[in-house]
Amino acid sequence: MPATLDFEANDICVLRVTGKLKQSEFAAQQEVLAHRIDGGAKPRLLVIAENFEGWERSDWNDLDYLLAYSGSIAKIAIVAEPRWEAHALAFAGAGVRRAPVQLFGPDQVTEARAWVAQ
């Protein structure tokens, strides 16, 4: 599966994405994260995109999740190739959600992890 979600201490959630991200796979991970949030977590999301090929053509316009859970996510750090910056920041809702969203290069996983943990 090209999208997996792992949970670490201090509400750090690591979403690993490889290949082409499918809407159905992403939605499944959102549901898992929503369950954690409903249980009281305030996730700090670290997204690591390795060998990322983009998003499948699909209906990605579901704003229900963003509206319901946006305020519960503390931070989002995205580790990806610079060519994905504009798309990844838009996809993450940078500037729309209250949580800060920052992009890091593929060689900056340690920095991204430190930033999201602050």
Protein backbone atom coordinates (compact mmCIF):
# COMPACT_ATOMS: atom_id res chain seq x y z
CA MET A 1 0.00 0.00 0.00
CA PRO A 2 1.49 3.36 -0.97
CA ALA A 3 0.07 5.18 2.09
CA THR A 4 0.78 3.97 5.64
CA LEU A 5 0.29 5.68 8.97
CA ASP A 6 2.36 4.95 12.07
CA PHE A 7 1.94 6.45 15.53
CA GLU A 8 4.83 7.50 17.75
CA ALA A 9 5.18 9.13 21.15
CA ASN A 10 3.98 12.71 21.73
CA ASP A 11 1.18 12.44 19.16
CA ILE A 12 3.60 12.28 16.23
CA CYS A 13 1.93 10.53 13.31
CA VAL A 14 4.10 9.48 10.39
CA LEU A 15 2.34 9.17 7.04
CA ARG A 16 4.54 7.50 4.43
CA VAL A 17 3.48 7.91 0.83
CA THR A 18 5.10 6.18 -2.14
CA GLY A 19 4.17 5.99 -5.78
CA LYS A 20 0.88 7.50 -6.92
CA LEU A 21 -1.41 8.38 -4.03
CA LYS A 22 -4.93 7.04 -4.49
CA GLN A 23 -7.86 8.88 -2.97
CA SER A 24 -9.25 5.67 -1.44
CA GLU A 25 -5.97 4.85 0.30
CA PHE A 26 -5.60 8.38 1.61
CA ALA A 27 -9.21 8.37 2.86
CA ALA A 28 -8.53 5.13 4.75
CA GLN A 29 -5.57 6.74 6.55
CA GLN A 30 -7.67 9.84 7.29
CA GLU A 31 -10.23 7.62 8.99
CA VAL A 32 -7.56 6.06 11.20
CA LEU A 33 -6.28 9.51 12.13
CA ALA A 34 -9.83 10.76 12.76
CA HIS A 35 -10.37 7.91 15.21
CA ARG A 36 -7.23 8.99 17.12
CA ILE A 37 -8.38 12.60 17.14
CA ASP A 38 -11.81 11.56 18.38
CA GLY A 39 -9.97 9.79 21.21
CA GLY A 40 -8.32 13.06 22.28
CA ALA A 41 -5.08 13.13 20.28
CA LYS A 42 -3.72 16.39 18.86
CA PRO A 43 -1.56 14.92 16.08
CA ARG A 44 1.66 16.33 14.77
CA LEU A 45 1.77 14.95 11.25
CA LEU A 46 5.04 14.07 9.55
CA VAL A 47 4.43 13.20 5.89
CA ILE A 48 7.29 11.46 4.12
CA ALA A 49 6.87 11.18 0.35
CA GLU A 50 9.41 8.77 -1.13
CA ASN A 51 9.43 7.94 -4.83
CA PHE A 52 6.27 10.01 -4.98
CA GLU A 53 4.55 10.15 -8.37
CA GLY A 54 1.66 12.45 -7.52
CA TRP A 55 -2.04 11.99 -6.95
CA GLU A 56 -4.40 9.79 -8.92
CA ARG A 57 -7.03 11.60 -10.93
CA SER A 58 -10.04 11.46 -8.68
CA ASP A 59 -12.49 13.59 -6.75
CA TRP A 60 -10.29 15.12 -4.05
CA ASN A 61 -12.78 17.90 -3.26
CA ASP A 62 -14.15 16.42 -0.03
CA LEU A 63 -13.79 19.25 2.48
CA ASP A 64 -15.69 17.44 5.25
CA TYR A 65 -12.50 16.05 6.79
CA LEU A 66 -10.72 19.39 6.63
CA LEU A 67 -13.64 21.17 8.25
CA ALA A 68 -14.15 18.51 10.93
CA TYR A 69 -10.53 17.85 11.94
CA SER A 70 -8.38 20.73 10.75
CA GLY A 71 -8.37 22.43 14.14
CA SER A 72 -7.23 19.23 15.85
CA ILE A 73 -3.97 18.83 13.93
CA ALA A 74 -1.12 20.72 15.62
CA LYS A 75 1.46 20.81 12.78
CA ILE A 76 2.19 19.25 9.41
CA ALA A 77 5.72 18.69 8.13
CA ILE A 78 6.03 17.37 4.58
CA VAL A 79 9.22 15.76 3.33
CA ALA A 80 9.22 15.68 -0.47
CA GLU A 81 11.12 16.62 -3.59
CA PRO A 82 11.06 20.40 -4.19
CA ARG A 83 9.09 19.91 -7.43
CA TRP A 84 6.06 18.88 -5.31
CA GLU A 85 6.17 21.96 -3.06
CA ALA A 86 3.25 23.97 -4.44
CA HIS A 87 0.99 20.96 -4.89
CA ALA A 88 1.86 19.41 -1.52
CA LEU A 89 1.30 22.64 0.40
CA ALA A 90 -2.03 23.20 -1.35
CA PHE A 91 -3.07 19.60 -0.75
CA ALA A 92 -2.21 19.95 2.96
CA GLY A 93 -4.30 23.11 3.20
CA ALA A 94 -1.43 25.47 4.01
CA GLY A 95 -2.87 28.90 4.57
CA VAL A 96 -6.38 27.49 5.04
CA ARG A 97 -5.92 25.56 8.27
CA ARG A 98 -4.67 27.03 11.54
CA ALA A 99 -1.87 24.49 11.88
CA PRO A 100 1.45 25.48 10.38
CA VAL A 101 2.49 23.46 7.33
CA GLN A 102 6.11 23.35 6.16
CA LEU A 103 7.90 21.53 3.35
CA PHE A 104 11.32 19.95 3.81
CA GLY A 105 13.62 18.41 1.22
CA PRO A 106 14.21 14.65 1.00
CA ASP A 107 17.49 14.96 2.92
CA GLN A 108 15.83 16.87 5.78
CA VAL A 109 13.83 14.15 7.53
CA THR A 110 15.66 14.81 10.82
CA GLU A 111 14.92 18.54 10.59
CA ALA A 112 11.28 17.90 9.70
CA ARG A 113 10.89 15.52 12.62
CA ALA A 114 12.44 18.07 15.01
CA TRP A 115 10.22 20.88 13.67
CA VAL A 116 7.00 18.90 13.94
CA ALA A 117 7.91 17.79 17.49
CA GLN A 118 8.43 21.39 18.75
